[in-house]
Amino acid sequence: MKVAALYDVHAMPWALAAVPDDVAAEGVDGTRSIEAHLVRGNGDRKPGEWGLGLVDPGMLAWLEALPMTVSLDGVLYCHSTPADDELLVTEATPDDVLEAAVAALRASGWPQAGEFARENLLAAPTREEAVAHFEQLRAG
């Protein structure tokens, strides 16, 4: 089953409006289309001045209460990492920061956490390997 995962919409309704057609074109199973699962990102936890002007206190409290992770069908969804919604991992990430991210991922309870950490964080693929992987997934 294919699932559509939407990330970082950032109050862009014109981008979100294109999603139903794109999702249908990709053959995503529509049986769960009315069932939304949300995770909190850094913009939900601490919206900037512009965002604060758009939402009332009740909506802000609702956004802040969203879970940091959701696990569906064996896939863990989060914004950045399970323990930090702002962490950006690159080749320049210090070892201690990377080790803390790996520990948080393993502590998340996600069954594939160890495998994911080994294959994608501790021995991250090269850019070429990552592009080839995603092209293979897209090809089906």
N, C-alpha and C. Protein backbone atom coordinates (compact mmCIF):
# COMPACT_ATOMS: atom_id res chain seq x y z
N MET A 1 0.84 -1.17 0.00
CA MET A 1 0.00 0.00 0.00
C MET A 1 0.88 1.24 0.00
N LYS A 2 0.55 2.21 -0.83
CA LYS A 2 1.25 3.48 -0.85
C LYS A 2 0.57 4.43 0.11
N VAL A 3 1.37 5.26 0.78
CA VAL A 3 0.88 6.25 1.72
C VAL A 3 1.44 7.59 1.32
N ALA A 4 0.66 8.63 1.40
CA ALA A 4 1.15 9.99 1.14
C ALA A 4 1.52 10.62 2.47
N ALA A 5 2.75 11.08 2.59
CA ALA A 5 3.20 11.78 3.79
C ALA A 5 3.52 13.22 3.39
N LEU A 6 2.86 14.15 4.02
CA LEU A 6 3.05 15.57 3.71
C LEU A 6 3.87 16.20 4.82
N TYR A 7 4.87 16.95 4.44
CA TYR A 7 5.77 17.56 5.42
C TYR A 7 5.90 19.05 5.18
N ASP A 8 6.07 19.78 6.25
CA ASP A 8 6.42 21.20 6.20
C ASP A 8 5.56 22.01 5.24
N VAL A 9 4.26 21.93 5.43
CA VAL A 9 3.34 22.68 4.58
C VAL A 9 3.51 24.18 4.79
N HIS A 10 3.82 24.60 6.00
CA HIS A 10 4.13 26.00 6.32
C HIS A 10 3.12 27.00 5.78
N ALA A 11 1.85 26.75 6.03
CA ALA A 11 0.78 27.69 5.69
C ALA A 11 0.80 28.09 4.22
N MET A 12 1.06 27.11 3.36
CA MET A 12 1.06 27.37 1.92
C MET A 12 -0.12 26.65 1.29
N PRO A 13 -1.32 27.24 1.34
CA PRO A 13 -2.51 26.55 0.84
C PRO A 13 -2.44 26.23 -0.64
N TRP A 14 -1.75 27.03 -1.42
CA TRP A 14 -1.64 26.75 -2.86
C TRP A 14 -0.85 25.48 -3.11
N ALA A 15 0.14 25.20 -2.29
CA ALA A 15 0.89 23.94 -2.42
C ALA A 15 0.02 22.77 -1.95
N LEU A 16 -0.67 22.96 -0.85
CA LEU A 16 -1.51 21.90 -0.32
C LEU A 16 -2.67 21.58 -1.28
N ALA A 17 -3.17 22.57 -2.00
CA ALA A 17 -4.29 22.37 -2.93
C ALA A 17 -3.91 21.41 -4.06
N ALA A 18 -2.62 21.32 -4.39
CA ALA A 18 -2.18 20.44 -5.48
C ALA A 18 -2.05 18.99 -5.02
N VAL A 19 -2.08 18.75 -3.73
CA VAL A 19 -1.82 17.42 -3.20
C VAL A 19 -2.81 16.35 -3.66
N PRO A 20 -4.12 16.57 -3.61
CA PRO A 20 -5.03 15.47 -4.00
C PRO A 20 -4.77 14.93 -5.40
N ASP A 21 -4.53 15.80 -6.37
CA ASP A 21 -4.27 15.33 -7.73
C ASP A 21 -2.94 14.59 -7.82
N ASP A 22 -1.91 15.12 -7.15
CA ASP A 22 -0.60 14.46 -7.17
C ASP A 22 -0.66 13.09 -6.49
N VAL A 23 -1.38 13.02 -5.38
CA VAL A 23 -1.51 11.76 -4.65
C VAL A 23 -2.23 10.73 -5.52
N ALA A 24 -3.30 11.14 -6.16
CA ALA A 24 -4.06 10.23 -7.03
C ALA A 24 -3.20 9.76 -8.20
N ALA A 25 -2.40 10.67 -8.77
CA ALA A 25 -1.54 10.32 -9.90
C ALA A 25 -0.48 9.29 -9.51
N GLU A 26 -0.08 9.28 -8.26
CA GLU A 26 0.92 8.34 -7.78
C GLU A 26 0.31 7.00 -7.38
N GLY A 27 -1.02 6.91 -7.41
CA GLY A 27 -1.68 5.65 -7.08
C GLY A 27 -1.74 5.36 -5.60
N VAL A 28 -1.78 6.40 -4.78
CA VAL A 28 -1.86 6.20 -3.33
C VAL A 28 -3.24 5.67 -2.98
N ASP A 29 -3.26 4.68 -2.09
CA ASP A 29 -4.50 4.06 -1.64
C ASP A 29 -5.37 5.12 -0.95
N GLY A 30 -6.55 5.36 -1.50
CA GLY A 30 -7.44 6.38 -0.97
C GLY A 30 -8.31 5.93 0.18
N THR A 31 -8.22 4.67 0.59
CA THR A 31 -9.11 4.18 1.63
C THR A 31 -8.87 4.85 2.97
N ARG A 32 -7.70 5.40 3.18
CA ARG A 32 -7.42 6.06 4.44
C ARG A 32 -7.35 7.58 4.28
N SER A 33 -7.83 8.08 3.16
CA SER A 33 -7.65 9.49 2.85
C SER A 33 -8.33 10.42 3.85
N ILE A 34 -9.34 9.95 4.54
CA ILE A 34 -9.99 10.83 5.51
C ILE A 34 -9.37 10.70 6.90
N GLU A 35 -8.40 9.85 7.03
CA GLU A 35 -7.75 9.62 8.32
C GLU A 35 -6.40 10.33 8.34
N ALA A 36 -6.33 11.42 9.06
CA ALA A 36 -5.09 12.20 9.11
C ALA A 36 -4.35 11.94 10.42
N HIS A 37 -3.06 11.78 10.32
CA HIS A 37 -2.20 11.65 11.49
C HIS A 37 -1.19 12.78 11.42
N LEU A 38 -1.05 13.52 12.49
CA LEU A 38 -0.19 14.70 12.48
C LEU A 38 0.93 14.54 13.48
N VAL A 39 2.08 15.10 13.15
CA VAL A 39 3.18 15.21 14.11
C VAL A 39 3.55 16.68 14.22
N ARG A 40 4.05 17.03 15.38
CA ARG A 40 4.42 18.41 15.64
C ARG A 40 5.82 18.70 15.08
N GLY A 41 5.95 19.81 14.45
CA GLY A 41 7.25 20.28 13.98
C GLY A 41 7.67 21.51 14.75
N ASN A 42 8.86 22.00 14.44
CA ASN A 42 9.37 23.16 15.16
C ASN A 42 8.47 24.39 14.98
N GLY A 43 7.85 24.55 13.80
CA GLY A 43 6.97 25.68 13.58
C GLY A 43 5.67 25.59 14.35
N ASP A 44 5.25 24.38 14.70
CA ASP A 44 4.05 24.19 15.50
C ASP A 44 4.36 24.42 16.97
N ARG A 45 5.56 24.01 17.37
CA ARG A 45 5.96 24.15 18.76
C ARG A 45 6.26 25.61 19.10
N LYS A 46 6.89 26.30 18.18
CA LYS A 46 7.24 27.70 18.44
C LYS A 46 7.09 28.51 17.16
N PRO A 47 5.83 28.87 16.85
CA PRO A 47 5.61 29.65 15.63
C PRO A 47 6.24 31.03 15.74
N GLY A 48 6.67 31.55 14.63
CA GLY A 48 7.23 32.90 14.60
C GLY A 48 6.16 33.95 14.78
N GLU A 49 6.56 35.19 14.78
CA GLU A 49 5.63 36.30 14.99
C GLU A 49 4.49 36.28 13.98
N TRP A 50 4.80 35.98 12.70
CA TRP A 50 3.77 35.93 11.67
C TRP A 50 2.76 34.84 11.99
N GLY A 51 3.24 33.66 12.37
CA GLY A 51 2.35 32.55 12.69
C GLY A 51 1.49 32.83 13.90
N LEU A 52 2.07 33.48 14.90
CA LEU A 52 1.31 33.81 16.10
C LEU A 52 0.15 34.75 15.79
N GLY A 53 0.32 35.59 14.78
CA GLY A 53 -0.75 36.50 14.39
C GLY A 53 -1.88 35.80 13.65
N LEU A 54 -1.66 34.57 13.20
CA LEU A 54 -2.67 33.86 12.42
C LEU A 54 -3.50 32.87 13.22
N VAL A 55 -3.02 32.47 14.39
CA VAL A 55 -3.73 31.44 15.14
C VAL A 55 -4.17 31.98 16.50
N ASP A 56 -5.33 31.50 16.94
CA ASP A 56 -5.81 31.90 18.26
C ASP A 56 -5.15 31.03 19.32
N PRO A 57 -5.24 31.40 20.58
CA PRO A 57 -4.59 30.63 21.64
C PRO A 57 -5.02 29.16 21.69
N GLY A 58 -6.29 28.88 21.39
CA GLY A 58 -6.75 27.49 21.39
C GLY A 58 -6.07 26.67 20.33
N MET A 59 -5.90 27.22 19.13
CA MET A 59 -5.21 26.53 18.05
C MET A 59 -3.74 26.34 18.40
N LEU A 60 -3.13 27.35 18.99
CA LEU A 60 -1.74 27.25 19.38
C LEU A 60 -1.55 26.12 20.39
N ALA A 61 -2.45 26.02 21.37
CA ALA A 61 -2.37 24.95 22.36
C ALA A 61 -2.54 23.59 21.69
N TRP A 62 -3.45 23.49 20.71
CA TRP A 62 -3.66 22.24 19.98
C TRP A 62 -2.40 21.85 19.22
N LEU A 63 -1.78 22.81 18.54
CA LEU A 63 -0.55 22.53 17.79
C LEU A 63 0.56 22.07 18.72
N GLU A 64 0.71 22.74 19.85
CA GLU A 64 1.76 22.39 20.81
C GLU A 64 1.56 21.01 21.40
N ALA A 65 0.30 20.53 21.44
CA ALA A 65 -0.01 19.23 22.03
C ALA A 65 0.14 18.07 21.04
N LEU A 66 0.40 18.37 19.76
CA LEU A 66 0.58 17.28 18.79
C LEU A 66 1.76 16.40 19.19
N PRO A 67 1.70 15.11 18.90
CA PRO A 67 2.81 14.23 19.25
C PRO A 67 4.04 14.52 18.38
N MET A 68 5.21 14.22 18.91
CA MET A 68 6.44 14.40 18.14
C MET A 68 6.64 13.28 17.13
N THR A 69 6.03 12.12 17.37
CA THR A 69 6.16 10.99 16.45
C THR A 69 4.83 10.28 16.29
N VAL A 70 4.68 9.63 15.16
CA VAL A 70 3.55 8.74 14.90
C VAL A 70 4.12 7.54 14.17
N SER A 71 3.73 6.34 14.58
CA SER A 71 4.16 5.12 13.91
C SER A 71 2.94 4.50 13.25
N LEU A 72 3.03 4.32 11.93
CA LEU A 72 1.94 3.73 11.15
C LEU A 72 2.49 2.63 10.26
N ASP A 73 1.91 1.48 10.34
CA ASP A 73 2.30 0.37 9.46
C ASP A 73 3.81 0.14 9.45
N GLY A 74 4.44 0.26 10.62
CA GLY A 74 5.86 0.00 10.74
C GLY A 74 6.76 1.14 10.31
N VAL A 75 6.19 2.31 10.01
CA VAL A 75 6.99 3.47 9.60
C VAL A 75 6.87 4.54 10.68
N LEU A 76 8.00 5.07 11.11
CA LEU A 76 8.02 6.13 12.11
C LEU A 76 8.07 7.47 11.40
N TYR A 77 7.09 8.33 11.69
CA TYR A 77 7.04 9.67 11.11
C TYR A 77 7.39 10.68 12.19
N CYS A 78 8.24 11.62 11.85
CA CYS A 78 8.62 12.68 12.78
C CYS A 78 9.14 13.87 11.97
N HIS A 79 9.34 14.97 12.64
CA HIS A 79 9.91 16.15 12.02
C HIS A 79 11.35 16.21 12.49
N SER A 80 12.28 15.93 11.63
CA SER A 80 13.72 15.87 11.88
C SER A 80 14.08 14.56 12.57
N THR A 81 14.06 14.48 13.90
CA THR A 81 14.34 13.22 14.59
C THR A 81 13.27 13.00 15.66
N PRO A 82 13.16 11.78 16.20
CA PRO A 82 12.14 11.53 17.22
C PRO A 82 12.27 12.39 18.47
N ALA A 83 13.47 12.88 18.76
CA ALA A 83 13.66 13.62 20.00
C ALA A 83 13.93 15.11 19.79
N ASP A 84 14.16 15.54 18.55
CA ASP A 84 14.53 16.93 18.30
C ASP A 84 13.94 17.36 16.97
N ASP A 85 13.02 18.31 17.01
CA ASP A 85 12.35 18.72 15.78
C ASP A 85 13.12 19.77 14.97
N GLU A 86 14.35 20.06 15.37
CA GLU A 86 15.14 21.03 14.62
C GLU A 86 16.49 20.49 14.15
N LEU A 87 16.86 19.30 14.56
CA LEU A 87 18.17 18.77 14.23
C LEU A 87 18.31 18.55 12.73
N LEU A 88 19.39 19.04 12.17
CA LEU A 88 19.73 18.82 10.78
C LEU A 88 21.03 18.03 10.76
N VAL A 89 21.01 16.84 10.19
CA VAL A 89 22.19 15.98 10.16
C VAL A 89 22.86 16.09 8.80
N THR A 90 24.13 16.45 8.82
CA THR A 90 24.94 16.53 7.60
C THR A 90 26.29 15.88 7.88
N GLU A 91 27.15 15.88 6.89
CA GLU A 91 28.50 15.35 7.08
C GLU A 91 29.26 16.12 8.15
N ALA A 92 28.88 17.39 8.37
CA ALA A 92 29.57 18.23 9.34
C ALA A 92 29.00 18.10 10.76
N THR A 93 27.97 17.29 10.96
CA THR A 93 27.38 17.13 12.29
C THR A 93 28.41 16.53 13.24
N PRO A 94 28.66 17.18 14.38
CA PRO A 94 29.63 16.64 15.35
C PRO A 94 29.21 15.25 15.83
N ASP A 95 30.18 14.40 16.13
CA ASP A 95 29.91 13.03 16.56
C ASP A 95 29.00 12.96 17.78
N ASP A 96 29.21 13.86 18.76
CA ASP A 96 28.39 13.79 19.97
C ASP A 96 26.92 14.11 19.67
N VAL A 97 26.66 15.02 18.75
CA VAL A 97 25.28 15.34 18.37
C VAL A 97 24.67 14.16 17.62
N LEU A 98 25.45 13.56 16.73
CA LEU A 98 24.97 12.41 15.97
C LEU A 98 24.69 11.23 16.91
N GLU A 99 25.58 10.98 17.86
CA GLU A 99 25.38 9.89 18.82
C GLU A 99 24.12 10.11 19.66
N ALA A 100 23.85 11.35 20.05
CA ALA A 100 22.64 11.66 20.82
C ALA A 100 21.40 11.42 19.95
N ALA A 101 21.45 11.78 18.67
CA ALA A 101 20.32 11.55 17.76
C ALA A 101 20.07 10.06 17.59
N VAL A 102 21.14 9.29 17.44
CA VAL A 102 21.00 7.83 17.30
C VAL A 102 20.41 7.23 18.57
N ALA A 103 20.86 7.68 19.73
CA ALA A 103 20.33 7.17 21.00
C ALA A 103 18.83 7.49 21.12
N ALA A 104 18.43 8.69 20.73
CA ALA A 104 17.02 9.06 20.79
C ALA A 104 16.20 8.23 19.81
N LEU A 105 16.74 7.99 18.64
CA LEU A 105 16.04 7.16 17.66
C LEU A 105 15.85 5.75 18.20
N ARG A 106 16.90 5.18 18.75
CA ARG A 106 16.79 3.82 19.31
C ARG A 106 15.82 3.77 20.48
N ALA A 107 15.75 4.84 21.26
CA ALA A 107 14.85 4.88 22.42
C ALA A 107 13.40 5.13 22.02
N SER A 108 13.17 5.45 20.76
CA SER A 108 11.81 5.78 20.31
C SER A 108 10.86 4.59 20.33
N GLY A 109 11.40 3.39 20.33
CA GLY A 109 10.56 2.21 20.30
C GLY A 109 10.21 1.74 18.90
N TRP A 110 10.64 2.47 17.90
CA TRP A 110 10.38 2.09 16.51
C TRP A 110 11.16 0.82 16.22
N PRO A 111 10.50 -0.23 15.75
CA PRO A 111 11.17 -1.52 15.55
C PRO A 111 12.39 -1.48 14.62
N GLN A 112 12.38 -0.62 13.61
CA GLN A 112 13.50 -0.55 12.67
C GLN A 112 14.53 0.52 13.04
N ALA A 113 14.47 1.05 14.25
CA ALA A 113 15.35 2.15 14.65
C ALA A 113 16.83 1.78 14.53
N GLY A 114 17.20 0.61 15.03
CA GLY A 114 18.60 0.21 14.97
C GLY A 114 19.11 0.08 13.55
N GLU A 115 18.32 -0.57 12.71
CA GLU A 115 18.70 -0.75 11.30
C GLU A 115 18.80 0.61 10.60
N PHE A 116 17.82 1.48 10.84
CA PHE A 116 17.84 2.80 10.21
C PHE A 116 19.08 3.58 10.65
N ALA A 117 19.37 3.55 11.94
CA ALA A 117 20.54 4.27 12.45
C ALA A 117 21.83 3.75 11.82
N ARG A 118 21.97 2.43 11.74
CA ARG A 118 23.17 1.84 11.13
C ARG A 118 23.32 2.23 9.67
N GLU A 119 22.23 2.16 8.93
CA GLU A 119 22.31 2.35 7.48
C GLU A 119 22.24 3.81 7.04
N ASN A 120 21.66 4.68 7.85
CA ASN A 120 21.41 6.04 7.38
C ASN A 120 22.06 7.14 8.22
N LEU A 121 22.42 6.84 9.44
CA LEU A 121 23.06 7.86 10.26
C LEU A 121 24.52 7.52 10.56
N LEU A 122 24.76 6.31 11.00
CA LEU A 122 26.11 5.93 11.37
C LEU A 122 26.98 5.65 10.16
N ALA A 123 26.37 5.20 9.08
CA ALA A 123 27.08 4.97 7.82
C ALA A 123 26.21 5.57 6.71
N ALA A 124 26.07 6.88 6.76
CA ALA A 124 25.16 7.56 5.83
C ALA A 124 25.57 7.29 4.39
N PRO A 125 24.56 7.11 3.53
CA PRO A 125 24.85 6.89 2.11
C PRO A 125 25.44 8.15 1.48
N THR A 126 26.18 7.96 0.42
CA THR A 126 26.67 9.11 -0.34
C THR A 126 25.48 9.76 -1.03
N ARG A 127 25.69 10.94 -1.55
CA ARG A 127 24.61 11.62 -2.28
C ARG A 127 24.16 10.76 -3.45
N GLU A 128 25.11 10.19 -4.16
CA GLU A 128 24.78 9.35 -5.31
C GLU A 128 23.97 8.13 -4.91
N GLU A 129 24.34 7.50 -3.80
CA GLU A 129 23.59 6.34 -3.31
C GLU A 129 22.17 6.73 -2.91
N ALA A 130 22.03 7.87 -2.26
CA ALA A 130 20.71 8.33 -1.83
C ALA A 130 19.83 8.63 -3.04
N VAL A 131 20.38 9.31 -4.03
CA VAL A 131 19.60 9.63 -5.23
C VAL A 131 19.18 8.35 -5.94
N ALA A 132 20.10 7.40 -6.07
CA ALA A 132 19.77 6.13 -6.73
C ALA A 132 18.68 5.39 -5.97
N HIS A 133 18.76 5.41 -4.64
CA HIS A 133 17.75 4.74 -3.82
C HIS A 133 16.37 5.35 -4.06
N PHE A 134 16.27 6.68 -4.02
CA PHE A 134 14.98 7.33 -4.20
C PHE A 134 14.46 7.17 -5.63
N GLU A 135 15.34 7.14 -6.60
CA GLU A 135 14.91 6.91 -7.98
C GLU A 135 14.35 5.48 -8.12
N GLN A 136 14.98 4.54 -7.45
CA GLN A 136 14.49 3.15 -7.48
C GLN A 136 13.12 3.05 -6.81
N LEU A 137 12.93 3.75 -5.68
CA LEU A 137 11.62 3.73 -5.02
C LEU A 137 10.56 4.35 -5.90
N ARG A 138 10.89 5.43 -6.57
CA ARG A 138 9.92 6.10 -7.44
C ARG A 138 9.52 5.22 -8.62
N ALA A 139 10.48 4.46 -9.13
CA ALA A 139 10.21 3.59 -10.28
C ALA A 139 9.30 2.43 -9.88
N GLY A 140 9.25 2.15 -8.59
CA GLY A 140 8.34 1.12 -8.09
C GLY A 140 8.96 -0.20 -8.15
